[in-house]
Amino acid sequence: MNEEKVARICWNTNNWQYPSGKAGKVANTSSGAYETRTGYGHEEWLFDVSKLVNGFHYAYIQAIGQHREKYEGKRFNLSFYSINSAKKERYWLGAVHNVHVVSPDESKSVHSAYRKNGWLKQMYSQLDSVGADVKEFKGIEPEDFCCIKFRPRDMHLLEEPMFFLFGDSAITSDYYNLKNKTGNPRRIEINEFVFTAVATAKNGKLQLTIGAMPRIST
């Protein structure tokens, strides 16, 4: 049985498929938050399943990456939420099952595949377009490039991220760490979780992109 966990991810208005800029992210410079300093968060590409390596989508989430040695080799069912810091609003996004925590060596191999396929350059361009710190991103060591992998079929996201209130018992803190899941926020039922994939052919390869989650306004 996979452990059931909850993780906060950075705010994003492009459905976590590519960076959306500073709007809604932590803006308190005294906090020392990574996204405050760089203009982007670790999870900007979390649901971009157009770049698969051996059938898996690889990504980085701070909740696991900052303690990789503790979780390496484990597998989780992860539920995600995000906070629009500008509006102090919280949104439940849904879950991804069978999330594998990968080793630094596997991360290095994936980084090499991204470079070979031109995907790193695409990510650099996306960061540059929103004024984020591209140099900082380029400085990430290959072994720290990703920390999790999952298959697109294991995504169970809400068709639309759902607002929930501060103080809901499902969320015990707002730190970027893994929390034990005790349930969904009030009024969010498990049968509302839906993942819709759109398949497109590009350069002879099948690509999957999220088609159900609407853009969130800032």
N, C-alpha and C. Protein backbone atom coordinates (compact mmCIF):
# COMPACT_ATOMS: atom_id res chain seq x y z
N MET A 1 0.83 -1.20 0.00
CA MET A 1 0.00 0.00 0.00
C MET A 1 0.87 1.25 0.00
N ASN A 2 0.58 2.19 -0.90
CA ASN A 2 1.31 3.45 -0.92
C ASN A 2 0.90 4.31 0.26
N GLU A 3 1.85 5.04 0.81
CA GLU A 3 1.53 6.00 1.86
C GLU A 3 0.77 7.17 1.24
N GLU A 4 -0.23 7.65 1.95
CA GLU A 4 -1.04 8.78 1.50
C GLU A 4 -0.49 10.07 2.12
N LYS A 5 -0.05 10.99 1.27
CA LYS A 5 0.55 12.22 1.75
C LYS A 5 -0.07 13.44 1.06
N VAL A 6 0.16 14.60 1.64
CA VAL A 6 -0.30 15.88 1.08
C VAL A 6 0.91 16.80 0.96
N ALA A 7 1.00 17.53 -0.16
CA ALA A 7 2.11 18.46 -0.36
C ALA A 7 1.61 19.78 -0.92
N ARG A 8 2.15 20.85 -0.41
CA ARG A 8 1.90 22.17 -1.00
C ARG A 8 2.85 22.37 -2.17
N ILE A 9 2.37 22.98 -3.25
CA ILE A 9 3.22 23.32 -4.38
C ILE A 9 3.09 24.81 -4.68
N CYS A 10 4.01 25.35 -5.43
CA CYS A 10 4.01 26.78 -5.73
C CYS A 10 2.75 27.18 -6.49
N TRP A 11 2.40 28.44 -6.41
CA TRP A 11 1.25 28.96 -7.15
C TRP A 11 1.59 29.05 -8.63
N ASN A 12 0.63 28.76 -9.47
CA ASN A 12 0.83 28.79 -10.91
C ASN A 12 -0.51 29.01 -11.58
N THR A 13 -0.56 29.82 -12.63
CA THR A 13 -1.81 30.08 -13.34
C THR A 13 -1.84 29.45 -14.73
N ASN A 14 -0.85 28.60 -15.00
CA ASN A 14 -0.81 27.89 -16.29
C ASN A 14 -0.98 26.39 -16.09
N ASN A 15 -1.76 26.03 -15.08
CA ASN A 15 -2.08 24.62 -14.81
C ASN A 15 -0.86 23.78 -14.50
N TRP A 16 0.20 24.42 -13.99
CA TRP A 16 1.41 23.72 -13.61
C TRP A 16 2.00 22.95 -14.80
N GLN A 17 1.89 23.56 -15.98
CA GLN A 17 2.50 22.99 -17.17
C GLN A 17 3.69 23.80 -17.63
N TYR A 18 3.74 25.08 -17.28
CA TYR A 18 4.90 25.92 -17.56
C TYR A 18 4.81 27.15 -16.66
N PRO A 19 5.92 27.86 -16.43
CA PRO A 19 5.96 28.95 -15.46
C PRO A 19 4.97 30.07 -15.76
N SER A 20 4.45 30.68 -14.69
CA SER A 20 3.46 31.74 -14.86
C SER A 20 3.92 33.07 -14.27
N GLY A 21 5.12 33.13 -13.71
CA GLY A 21 5.62 34.40 -13.18
C GLY A 21 5.37 34.57 -11.69
N LYS A 22 5.65 35.79 -11.20
CA LYS A 22 5.62 36.06 -9.76
C LYS A 22 4.22 36.23 -9.18
N ALA A 23 3.24 36.54 -10.02
CA ALA A 23 1.90 36.82 -9.52
C ALA A 23 1.37 35.66 -8.68
N GLY A 24 0.96 35.97 -7.45
CA GLY A 24 0.38 34.97 -6.57
C GLY A 24 1.38 34.18 -5.75
N LYS A 25 2.66 34.31 -6.05
CA LYS A 25 3.66 33.57 -5.30
C LYS A 25 4.03 34.33 -4.02
N VAL A 26 4.77 33.65 -3.15
CA VAL A 26 5.21 34.27 -1.91
C VAL A 26 6.02 35.52 -2.24
N ALA A 27 5.63 36.66 -1.67
CA ALA A 27 6.27 37.93 -2.02
C ALA A 27 7.03 38.55 -0.84
N ASN A 28 7.06 37.89 0.29
CA ASN A 28 7.72 38.41 1.48
C ASN A 28 9.22 38.15 1.40
N THR A 29 9.99 39.19 1.09
CA THR A 29 11.42 39.03 0.90
C THR A 29 12.13 38.57 2.17
N SER A 30 11.57 38.87 3.33
CA SER A 30 12.21 38.47 4.59
C SER A 30 12.08 36.97 4.84
N SER A 31 11.18 36.31 4.10
CA SER A 31 10.97 34.88 4.31
C SER A 31 12.10 34.04 3.70
N GLY A 32 12.82 34.61 2.73
CA GLY A 32 13.89 33.87 2.08
C GLY A 32 13.40 32.76 1.18
N ALA A 33 12.13 32.79 0.79
CA ALA A 33 11.56 31.73 -0.04
C ALA A 33 12.23 31.69 -1.39
N TYR A 34 12.45 30.49 -1.89
CA TYR A 34 13.10 30.30 -3.19
C TYR A 34 12.34 31.03 -4.29
N GLU A 35 11.01 30.92 -4.30
CA GLU A 35 10.22 31.53 -5.37
C GLU A 35 10.25 33.05 -5.30
N THR A 36 10.44 33.60 -4.09
CA THR A 36 10.56 35.05 -3.94
C THR A 36 11.85 35.54 -4.60
N ARG A 37 12.91 34.79 -4.38
CA ARG A 37 14.23 35.17 -4.88
C ARG A 37 14.39 34.95 -6.37
N THR A 38 13.79 33.89 -6.91
CA THR A 38 14.03 33.51 -8.29
C THR A 38 12.90 33.85 -9.26
N GLY A 39 11.71 34.07 -8.73
CA GLY A 39 10.57 34.36 -9.60
C GLY A 39 9.89 33.12 -10.17
N TYR A 40 10.29 31.96 -9.70
CA TYR A 40 9.63 30.71 -10.12
C TYR A 40 9.70 29.70 -8.98
N GLY A 41 8.86 28.69 -9.06
CA GLY A 41 8.86 27.63 -8.05
C GLY A 41 9.28 26.31 -8.65
N HIS A 42 9.60 25.38 -7.79
CA HIS A 42 10.08 24.08 -8.24
C HIS A 42 9.04 23.29 -9.03
N GLU A 43 7.77 23.58 -8.79
CA GLU A 43 6.71 22.73 -9.34
C GLU A 43 6.03 23.31 -10.58
N GLU A 44 6.63 24.30 -11.21
CA GLU A 44 5.99 24.96 -12.35
C GLU A 44 5.60 23.97 -13.47
N TRP A 45 6.38 22.90 -13.63
CA TRP A 45 6.14 21.93 -14.71
C TRP A 45 5.56 20.62 -14.20
N LEU A 46 5.03 20.60 -12.99
CA LEU A 46 4.63 19.36 -12.34
C LEU A 46 3.64 18.54 -13.16
N PHE A 47 2.72 19.19 -13.86
CA PHE A 47 1.70 18.47 -14.62
C PHE A 47 1.91 18.56 -16.13
N ASP A 48 3.11 18.92 -16.54
CA ASP A 48 3.44 18.93 -17.98
C ASP A 48 3.89 17.54 -18.38
N VAL A 49 2.95 16.71 -18.84
CA VAL A 49 3.28 15.32 -19.18
C VAL A 49 3.57 15.15 -20.67
N SER A 50 4.04 16.22 -21.30
CA SER A 50 4.41 16.14 -22.72
C SER A 50 5.85 15.67 -22.91
N LYS A 51 6.60 15.57 -21.83
CA LYS A 51 8.02 15.19 -21.90
C LYS A 51 8.23 13.90 -21.10
N LEU A 52 8.03 12.78 -21.73
CA LEU A 52 8.13 11.50 -21.03
C LEU A 52 9.47 10.83 -21.31
N VAL A 53 10.00 10.19 -20.28
CA VAL A 53 11.23 9.41 -20.40
C VAL A 53 10.90 7.99 -19.95
N ASN A 54 10.96 7.05 -20.89
CA ASN A 54 10.61 5.66 -20.60
C ASN A 54 9.20 5.52 -20.02
N GLY A 55 8.29 6.36 -20.50
CA GLY A 55 6.90 6.28 -20.08
C GLY A 55 6.57 7.03 -18.82
N PHE A 56 7.58 7.64 -18.19
CA PHE A 56 7.36 8.37 -16.94
C PHE A 56 7.52 9.87 -17.15
N HIS A 57 6.74 10.63 -16.38
CA HIS A 57 6.96 12.07 -16.27
C HIS A 57 7.79 12.29 -15.01
N TYR A 58 8.87 13.05 -15.16
CA TYR A 58 9.76 13.37 -14.04
C TYR A 58 9.54 14.82 -13.62
N ALA A 59 9.64 15.07 -12.32
CA ALA A 59 9.39 16.42 -11.81
C ALA A 59 10.12 16.61 -10.49
N TYR A 60 10.07 17.84 -10.01
CA TYR A 60 10.67 18.17 -8.72
C TYR A 60 9.61 18.84 -7.86
N ILE A 61 9.43 18.35 -6.65
CA ILE A 61 8.60 19.06 -5.68
C ILE A 61 9.44 19.29 -4.43
N GLN A 62 9.34 20.47 -3.89
CA GLN A 62 10.18 20.84 -2.76
C GLN A 62 9.94 19.93 -1.56
N ALA A 63 8.70 19.51 -1.36
CA ALA A 63 8.34 18.71 -0.19
C ALA A 63 9.15 17.41 -0.11
N ILE A 64 9.55 16.89 -1.25
CA ILE A 64 10.37 15.67 -1.27
C ILE A 64 11.83 15.99 -1.55
N GLY A 65 12.09 16.89 -2.48
CA GLY A 65 13.45 17.18 -2.89
C GLY A 65 14.36 17.65 -1.78
N GLN A 66 13.81 18.41 -0.82
CA GLN A 66 14.65 18.93 0.25
C GLN A 66 15.01 17.86 1.29
N HIS A 67 14.32 16.69 1.19
CA HIS A 67 14.62 15.58 2.10
C HIS A 67 14.70 14.27 1.32
N ARG A 68 15.30 14.32 0.14
CA ARG A 68 15.29 13.15 -0.74
C ARG A 68 15.85 11.90 -0.06
N GLU A 69 16.94 12.05 0.71
CA GLU A 69 17.57 10.89 1.33
C GLU A 69 16.60 10.16 2.26
N LYS A 70 15.65 10.89 2.81
CA LYS A 70 14.65 10.30 3.71
C LYS A 70 13.62 9.47 2.95
N TYR A 71 13.31 9.92 1.71
CA TYR A 71 12.21 9.30 0.96
C TYR A 71 12.66 8.44 -0.22
N GLU A 72 13.93 8.45 -0.55
CA GLU A 72 14.40 7.76 -1.76
C GLU A 72 13.97 6.30 -1.77
N GLY A 73 13.42 5.88 -2.92
CA GLY A 73 12.97 4.51 -3.08
C GLY A 73 11.54 4.26 -2.63
N LYS A 74 10.90 5.24 -2.01
CA LYS A 74 9.53 5.06 -1.55
C LYS A 74 8.54 5.43 -2.65
N ARG A 75 7.30 5.06 -2.43
CA ARG A 75 6.24 5.36 -3.38
C ARG A 75 5.03 5.88 -2.62
N PHE A 76 4.43 6.95 -3.14
CA PHE A 76 3.34 7.62 -2.44
C PHE A 76 2.15 7.85 -3.36
N ASN A 77 0.99 8.03 -2.75
CA ASN A 77 -0.14 8.69 -3.38
C ASN A 77 -0.14 10.11 -2.84
N LEU A 78 0.10 11.07 -3.70
CA LEU A 78 0.25 12.46 -3.26
C LEU A 78 -0.94 13.31 -3.67
N SER A 79 -1.50 14.02 -2.69
CA SER A 79 -2.51 15.04 -2.96
C SER A 79 -1.83 16.40 -2.90
N PHE A 80 -2.28 17.33 -3.75
CA PHE A 80 -1.62 18.62 -3.86
C PHE A 80 -2.58 19.78 -3.61
N TYR A 81 -2.03 20.83 -3.01
CA TYR A 81 -2.77 22.08 -2.89
C TYR A 81 -1.81 23.22 -3.12
N SER A 82 -2.37 24.40 -3.39
CA SER A 82 -1.55 25.58 -3.64
C SER A 82 -2.22 26.81 -3.05
N ILE A 83 -1.43 27.82 -2.80
CA ILE A 83 -1.94 29.05 -2.19
C ILE A 83 -1.62 30.24 -3.08
N ASN A 84 -2.64 31.01 -3.41
CA ASN A 84 -2.44 32.30 -4.07
C ASN A 84 -2.12 33.30 -2.97
N SER A 85 -0.83 33.58 -2.80
CA SER A 85 -0.41 34.43 -1.68
C SER A 85 -0.93 35.86 -1.79
N ALA A 86 -1.15 36.32 -3.01
CA ALA A 86 -1.65 37.69 -3.19
C ALA A 86 -3.07 37.84 -2.67
N LYS A 87 -3.85 36.78 -2.82
CA LYS A 87 -5.26 36.83 -2.41
C LYS A 87 -5.54 36.01 -1.15
N LYS A 88 -4.51 35.35 -0.63
CA LYS A 88 -4.66 34.48 0.54
C LYS A 88 -5.73 33.42 0.31
N GLU A 89 -5.74 32.84 -0.89
CA GLU A 89 -6.73 31.83 -1.24
C GLU A 89 -6.05 30.48 -1.43
N ARG A 90 -6.73 29.42 -0.98
CA ARG A 90 -6.18 28.07 -1.04
C ARG A 90 -6.99 27.23 -2.01
N TYR A 91 -6.29 26.40 -2.77
CA TYR A 91 -6.96 25.57 -3.76
C TYR A 91 -6.44 24.13 -3.69
N TRP A 92 -7.38 23.21 -3.68
CA TRP A 92 -7.09 21.78 -3.72
C TRP A 92 -7.08 21.35 -5.18
N LEU A 93 -6.01 20.63 -5.58
CA LEU A 93 -5.81 20.32 -6.99
C LEU A 93 -6.15 18.88 -7.36
N GLY A 94 -6.11 17.98 -6.42
CA GLY A 94 -6.33 16.57 -6.71
C GLY A 94 -5.12 15.76 -6.32
N ALA A 95 -4.96 14.61 -6.94
CA ALA A 95 -3.92 13.68 -6.50
C ALA A 95 -3.22 13.02 -7.67
N VAL A 96 -2.03 12.52 -7.39
CA VAL A 96 -1.30 11.65 -8.32
C VAL A 96 -0.91 10.41 -7.53
N HIS A 97 -1.26 9.26 -8.05
CA HIS A 97 -0.96 8.00 -7.38
C HIS A 97 0.35 7.40 -7.88
N ASN A 98 0.89 6.52 -7.09
CA ASN A 98 2.10 5.78 -7.48
C ASN A 98 3.25 6.69 -7.87
N VAL A 99 3.50 7.67 -7.03
CA VAL A 99 4.62 8.59 -7.25
C VAL A 99 5.89 7.96 -6.67
N HIS A 100 6.87 7.72 -7.52
CA HIS A 100 8.14 7.11 -7.11
C HIS A 100 9.15 8.21 -6.79
N VAL A 101 9.87 8.06 -5.70
CA VAL A 101 10.98 8.97 -5.39
C VAL A 101 12.23 8.42 -6.05
N VAL A 102 12.88 9.21 -6.89
CA VAL A 102 14.00 8.72 -7.69
C VAL A 102 15.34 9.10 -7.06
N SER A 103 16.36 8.38 -7.46
CA SER A 103 17.71 8.60 -6.95
C SER A 103 18.40 9.76 -7.68
N PRO A 104 19.46 10.31 -7.09
CA PRO A 104 20.25 11.33 -7.79
C PRO A 104 20.79 10.83 -9.13
N ASP A 105 21.20 9.56 -9.20
CA ASP A 105 21.72 9.02 -10.46
C ASP A 105 20.64 8.99 -11.54
N GLU A 106 19.42 8.63 -11.17
CA GLU A 106 18.33 8.63 -12.15
C GLU A 106 18.02 10.06 -12.59
N SER A 107 18.10 10.99 -11.66
CA SER A 107 17.89 12.39 -12.00
C SER A 107 18.92 12.87 -13.03
N LYS A 108 20.18 12.47 -12.86
CA LYS A 108 21.23 12.85 -13.81
C LYS A 108 20.93 12.30 -15.20
N SER A 109 20.46 11.06 -15.26
CA SER A 109 20.11 10.44 -16.54
C SER A 109 18.97 11.18 -17.21
N VAL A 110 17.96 11.57 -16.43
CA VAL A 110 16.82 12.30 -16.98
C VAL A 110 17.24 13.68 -17.46
N HIS A 111 18.10 14.34 -16.71
CA HIS A 111 18.61 15.66 -17.11
C HIS A 111 19.30 15.55 -18.46
N SER A 112 20.06 14.49 -18.66
CA SER A 112 20.74 14.27 -19.93
C SER A 112 19.73 14.08 -21.07
N ALA A 113 18.66 13.35 -20.80
CA ALA A 113 17.61 13.14 -21.81
C ALA A 113 16.91 14.45 -22.15
N TYR A 114 16.66 15.27 -21.17
CA TYR A 114 16.04 16.58 -21.40
C TYR A 114 16.95 17.45 -22.27
N ARG A 115 18.24 17.42 -21.97
CA ARG A 115 19.18 18.22 -22.76
C ARG A 115 19.23 17.72 -24.19
N LYS A 116 19.30 16.42 -24.37
CA LYS A 116 19.39 15.82 -25.69
C LYS A 116 18.16 16.13 -26.54
N ASN A 117 16.98 16.14 -25.92
CA ASN A 117 15.73 16.38 -26.63
C ASN A 117 15.39 17.86 -26.81
N GLY A 118 16.23 18.75 -26.28
CA GLY A 118 15.97 20.18 -26.40
C GLY A 118 14.94 20.70 -25.42
N TRP A 119 14.57 19.89 -24.46
CA TRP A 119 13.54 20.29 -23.50
C TRP A 119 14.07 21.31 -22.49
N LEU A 120 15.36 21.21 -22.15
CA LEU A 120 15.93 22.19 -21.23
C LEU A 120 15.87 23.59 -21.83
N LYS A 121 16.21 23.71 -23.11
CA LYS A 121 16.15 25.01 -23.76
C LYS A 121 14.73 25.56 -23.76
N GLN A 122 13.76 24.68 -23.93
CA GLN A 122 12.37 25.11 -23.88
C GLN A 122 12.01 25.65 -22.50
N MET A 123 12.49 24.99 -21.46
CA MET A 123 12.23 25.44 -20.09
C MET A 123 12.93 26.77 -19.82
N TYR A 124 14.15 26.94 -20.33
CA TYR A 124 14.85 28.21 -20.18
C TYR A 124 14.03 29.35 -20.81
N SER A 125 13.53 29.09 -22.01
CA SER A 125 12.74 30.10 -22.72
C SER A 125 11.47 30.46 -21.96
N GLN A 126 10.83 29.45 -21.38
CA GLN A 126 9.60 29.69 -20.62
C GLN A 126 9.87 30.54 -19.38
N LEU A 127 10.98 30.28 -18.72
CA LEU A 127 11.35 31.09 -17.55
C LEU A 127 11.68 32.52 -17.95
N ASP A 128 12.42 32.65 -19.04
CA ASP A 128 12.81 33.98 -19.50
C ASP A 128 11.58 34.81 -19.87
N SER A 129 10.56 34.17 -20.42
CA SER A 129 9.36 34.90 -20.87
C SER A 129 8.58 35.51 -19.72
N VAL A 130 8.77 35.01 -18.49
CA VAL A 130 8.06 35.58 -17.34
C VAL A 130 9.01 36.33 -16.41
N GLY A 131 10.23 36.56 -16.86
CA GLY A 131 11.18 37.34 -16.09
C GLY A 131 11.78 36.61 -14.90
N ALA A 132 11.76 35.28 -14.93
CA ALA A 132 12.34 34.50 -13.84
C ALA A 132 13.85 34.38 -14.01
N ASP A 133 14.51 33.88 -12.99
CA ASP A 133 15.96 33.81 -12.97
C ASP A 133 16.44 32.55 -13.70
N VAL A 134 16.71 32.69 -14.99
CA VAL A 134 17.13 31.56 -15.80
C VAL A 134 18.50 31.05 -15.34
N LYS A 135 19.38 31.95 -14.97
CA LYS A 135 20.72 31.57 -14.52
C LYS A 135 20.64 30.66 -13.31
N GLU A 136 19.73 30.97 -12.39
CA GLU A 136 19.56 30.14 -11.20
C GLU A 136 19.13 28.73 -11.59
N PHE A 137 18.20 28.64 -12.52
CA PHE A 137 17.71 27.34 -12.96
C PHE A 137 18.81 26.55 -13.65
N LYS A 138 19.58 27.22 -14.48
CA LYS A 138 20.69 26.54 -15.17
C LYS A 138 21.73 26.02 -14.19
N GLY A 139 21.80 26.64 -13.03
CA GLY A 139 22.79 26.25 -12.03
C GLY A 139 22.40 25.03 -11.21
N ILE A 140 21.18 24.53 -11.40
CA ILE A 140 20.76 23.34 -10.66
C ILE A 140 21.59 22.14 -11.11
N GLU A 141 22.14 21.42 -10.16
CA GLU A 141 22.95 20.25 -10.49
C GLU A 141 22.07 19.16 -11.10
N PRO A 142 22.56 18.42 -12.08
CA PRO A 142 21.76 17.36 -12.72
C PRO A 142 21.16 16.36 -11.74
N GLU A 143 21.88 16.05 -10.66
CA GLU A 143 21.36 15.09 -9.69
C GLU A 143 20.19 15.66 -8.88
N ASP A 144 20.02 16.98 -8.95
CA ASP A 144 18.92 17.63 -8.23
C ASP A 144 17.82 18.11 -9.19
N PHE A 145 17.91 17.73 -10.44
CA PHE A 145 16.97 18.21 -11.45
C PHE A 145 15.55 17.70 -11.19
N CYS A 146 15.41 16.45 -10.78
CA CYS A 146 14.10 15.90 -10.48
C CYS A 146 14.21 14.98 -9.28
N CYS A 147 13.10 14.74 -8.62
CA CYS A 147 13.12 13.85 -7.45
C CYS A 147 11.96 12.87 -7.45
N ILE A 148 11.00 13.03 -8.36
CA ILE A 148 9.87 12.10 -8.44
C ILE A 148 9.58 11.73 -9.89
N LYS A 149 8.87 10.61 -10.05
CA LYS A 149 8.37 10.24 -11.37
C LYS A 149 7.02 9.56 -11.20
N PHE A 150 6.19 9.67 -12.24
CA PHE A 150 4.90 8.99 -12.25
C PHE A 150 4.42 8.86 -13.68
N ARG A 151 3.46 7.98 -13.89
CA ARG A 151 2.87 7.80 -15.21
C ARG A 151 1.64 8.68 -15.35
N PRO A 152 1.41 9.27 -16.52
CA PRO A 152 0.24 10.14 -16.71
C PRO A 152 -1.08 9.49 -16.32
N ARG A 153 -1.19 8.16 -16.51
CA ARG A 153 -2.45 7.48 -16.19
C ARG A 153 -2.76 7.51 -14.70
N ASP A 154 -1.77 7.83 -13.87
CA ASP A 154 -1.98 7.85 -12.42
C ASP A 154 -2.35 9.24 -11.89
N MET A 155 -2.60 10.17 -12.80
CA MET A 155 -3.02 11.52 -12.40
C MET A 155 -4.53 11.54 -12.19
N HIS A 156 -4.93 12.02 -11.02
CA HIS A 156 -6.35 12.12 -10.68
C HIS A 156 -6.61 13.54 -10.17
N LEU A 157 -6.64 14.47 -11.11
CA LEU A 157 -6.77 15.89 -10.78
C LEU A 157 -8.22 16.33 -10.89
N LEU A 158 -8.55 17.33 -10.09
CA LEU A 158 -9.88 17.91 -10.22
C LEU A 158 -10.03 18.57 -11.58
N GLU A 159 -11.21 18.52 -12.14
CA GLU A 159 -11.45 19.22 -13.40
C GLU A 159 -11.21 20.71 -13.22
N GLU A 160 -11.47 21.20 -12.04
CA GLU A 160 -11.20 22.60 -11.71
C GLU A 160 -10.71 22.66 -10.28
N PRO A 161 -9.55 23.28 -10.01
CA PRO A 161 -9.07 23.42 -8.63
C PRO A 161 -10.16 24.04 -7.74
N MET A 162 -10.31 23.49 -6.54
CA MET A 162 -11.41 23.92 -5.67
C MET A 162 -10.90 24.69 -4.47
N PHE A 163 -11.53 25.82 -4.22
CA PHE A 163 -11.22 26.68 -3.09
C PHE A 163 -11.58 25.97 -1.78
N PHE A 164 -10.71 26.11 -0.78
CA PHE A 164 -11.08 25.64 0.56
C PHE A 164 -10.56 26.64 1.58
N LEU A 165 -11.11 26.58 2.77
CA LEU A 165 -10.87 27.61 3.77
C LEU A 165 -9.61 27.36 4.59
N PHE A 166 -9.00 28.44 5.03
CA PHE A 166 -7.90 28.38 5.98
C PHE A 166 -8.40 27.70 7.26
N GLY A 167 -7.58 26.84 7.83
CA GLY A 167 -7.97 26.16 9.05
C GLY A 167 -8.66 24.83 8.83
N ASP A 168 -8.87 24.46 7.57
CA ASP A 168 -9.48 23.15 7.30
C ASP A 168 -8.59 22.06 7.89
N SER A 169 -9.21 21.09 8.53
CA SER A 169 -8.47 20.04 9.24
C SER A 169 -7.63 19.17 8.32
N ALA A 170 -7.88 19.22 7.00
CA ALA A 170 -7.09 18.41 6.06
C ALA A 170 -5.67 18.92 5.92
N ILE A 171 -5.44 20.20 6.25
CA ILE A 171 -4.12 20.82 6.12
C ILE A 171 -3.65 21.30 7.48
N THR A 172 -2.61 20.68 7.99
CA THR A 172 -2.14 20.99 9.34
C THR A 172 -1.08 22.08 9.38
N SER A 173 -0.47 22.38 8.24
CA SER A 173 0.51 23.47 8.17
C SER A 173 0.69 23.86 6.72
N ASP A 174 1.32 25.01 6.49
CA ASP A 174 1.56 25.47 5.12
C ASP A 174 3.02 25.37 4.73
N TYR A 175 3.80 24.62 5.46
CA TYR A 175 5.19 24.42 5.08
C TYR A 175 5.26 23.54 3.82
N TYR A 176 6.35 23.72 3.07
CA TYR A 176 6.57 22.88 1.89
C TYR A 176 7.19 21.55 2.33
N ASN A 177 6.37 20.73 2.98
CA ASN A 177 6.82 19.42 3.42
C ASN A 177 5.72 18.40 3.16
N LEU A 178 6.05 17.12 3.37
CA LEU A 178 5.03 16.08 3.23
C LEU A 178 4.23 15.96 4.51
N LYS A 179 2.92 15.97 4.36
CA LYS A 179 2.04 15.84 5.50
C LYS A 179 1.25 14.54 5.35
N ASN A 180 0.95 13.89 6.45
CA ASN A 180 0.10 12.71 6.41
C ASN A 180 -1.31 13.13 6.00
N LYS A 181 -1.89 12.39 5.07
CA LYS A 181 -3.24 12.73 4.61
C LYS A 181 -4.26 12.10 5.53
N THR A 182 -5.15 12.92 6.07
CA THR A 182 -6.23 12.45 6.93
C THR A 182 -7.57 12.50 6.21
N GLY A 183 -7.61 13.17 5.06
CA GLY A 183 -8.84 13.29 4.29
C GLY A 183 -8.76 14.48 3.36
N ASN A 184 -9.80 14.67 2.56
CA ASN A 184 -9.87 15.83 1.68
C ASN A 184 -10.48 17.01 2.44
N PRO A 185 -10.22 18.24 1.99
CA PRO A 185 -10.90 19.38 2.61
C PRO A 185 -12.42 19.22 2.53
N ARG A 186 -13.10 19.87 3.43
CA ARG A 186 -14.56 19.79 3.45
C ARG A 186 -15.15 20.18 2.10
N ARG A 187 -16.18 19.49 1.68
CA ARG A 187 -16.94 19.71 0.45
C ARG A 187 -16.22 19.22 -0.80
N ILE A 188 -15.06 18.60 -0.63
CA ILE A 188 -14.36 18.03 -1.78
C ILE A 188 -14.44 16.52 -1.68
N GLU A 189 -15.16 15.91 -2.58
CA GLU A 189 -15.38 14.47 -2.55
C GLU A 189 -14.44 13.77 -3.53
N ILE A 190 -14.09 12.54 -3.19
CA ILE A 190 -13.13 11.81 -4.01
C ILE A 190 -13.65 11.55 -5.42
N ASN A 191 -14.97 11.44 -5.60
CA ASN A 191 -15.48 11.13 -6.93
C ASN A 191 -15.43 12.33 -7.88
N GLU A 192 -14.96 13.46 -7.41
CA GLU A 192 -14.81 14.62 -8.28
C GLU A 192 -13.46 14.64 -8.97
N PHE A 193 -12.60 13.69 -8.63
CA PHE A 193 -11.26 13.69 -9.20
C PHE A 193 -11.29 13.10 -10.60
N VAL A 194 -10.85 13.89 -11.57
CA VAL A 194 -10.85 13.46 -12.97
C VAL A 194 -9.57 13.93 -13.63
N PHE A 195 -8.95 13.07 -14.40
CA PHE A 195 -7.82 13.50 -15.22
C PHE A 195 -8.20 13.33 -16.68
N THR A 196 -8.03 14.38 -17.43
CA THR A 196 -8.32 14.31 -18.86
C THR A 196 -7.02 14.54 -19.62
N ALA A 197 -6.67 13.63 -20.48
CA ALA A 197 -5.45 13.76 -21.28
C ALA A 197 -5.80 13.96 -22.73
N VAL A 198 -5.07 14.83 -23.38
CA VAL A 198 -5.23 15.07 -24.80
C VAL A 198 -3.97 14.59 -25.50
N ALA A 199 -4.10 13.66 -26.42
CA ALA A 199 -2.94 13.11 -27.13
C ALA A 199 -2.74 13.86 -28.44
N THR A 200 -1.51 14.28 -28.69
CA THR A 200 -1.18 14.95 -29.95
C THR A 200 0.09 14.34 -30.50
N ALA A 201 0.20 14.32 -31.80
CA ALA A 201 1.40 13.78 -32.44
C ALA A 201 2.31 14.92 -32.83
N LYS A 202 3.58 14.81 -32.46
CA LYS A 202 4.56 15.82 -32.81
C LYS A 202 5.89 15.13 -33.09
N ASN A 203 6.41 15.37 -34.26
CA ASN A 203 7.67 14.73 -34.68
C ASN A 203 7.60 13.22 -34.55
N GLY A 204 6.40 12.69 -34.82
CA GLY A 204 6.25 11.25 -34.80
C GLY A 204 6.12 10.65 -33.42
N LYS A 205 6.05 11.49 -32.37
CA LYS A 205 5.96 10.99 -31.01
C LYS A 205 4.62 11.40 -30.40
N LEU A 206 4.09 10.51 -29.56
CA LEU A 206 2.84 10.81 -28.89
C LEU A 206 3.11 11.66 -27.67
N GLN A 207 2.38 12.77 -27.56
CA GLN A 207 2.53 13.64 -26.40
C GLN A 207 1.18 13.75 -25.70
N LEU A 208 1.23 13.86 -24.37
CA LEU A 208 0.03 14.01 -23.58
C LEU A 208 0.05 15.36 -22.88
N THR A 209 -1.05 16.04 -22.92
CA THR A 209 -1.17 17.31 -22.20
C THR A 209 -2.49 17.33 -21.46
N ILE A 210 -2.54 18.09 -20.38
CA ILE A 210 -3.76 18.19 -19.60
C ILE A 210 -4.78 19.01 -20.35
N GLY A 211 -6.00 18.49 -20.45
CA GLY A 211 -7.02 19.19 -21.20
C GLY A 211 -8.19 19.62 -20.38
N ALA A 212 -8.25 19.24 -19.11
CA ALA A 212 -9.45 19.53 -18.35
C ALA A 212 -9.29 20.72 -17.41
N MET A 213 -8.11 20.90 -16.83
CA MET A 213 -7.95 21.94 -15.82
C MET A 213 -7.94 23.32 -16.47
N PRO A 214 -8.87 24.19 -16.11
CA PRO A 214 -8.93 25.51 -16.72
C PRO A 214 -7.87 26.44 -16.14
N ARG A 215 -7.58 27.48 -16.86
CA ARG A 215 -6.64 28.48 -16.37
C ARG A 215 -7.22 29.18 -15.14
N ILE A 216 -6.38 29.40 -14.14
CA ILE A 216 -6.80 30.10 -12.92
C ILE A 216 -6.40 31.56 -13.06
N SER A 217 -7.30 32.45 -12.77
CA SER A 217 -6.97 33.87 -12.83
C SER A 217 -6.16 34.27 -11.62
N THR A 218 -5.35 35.29 -11.77
CA THR A 218 -4.49 35.69 -10.66
C THR A 218 -5.22 36.62 -9.72
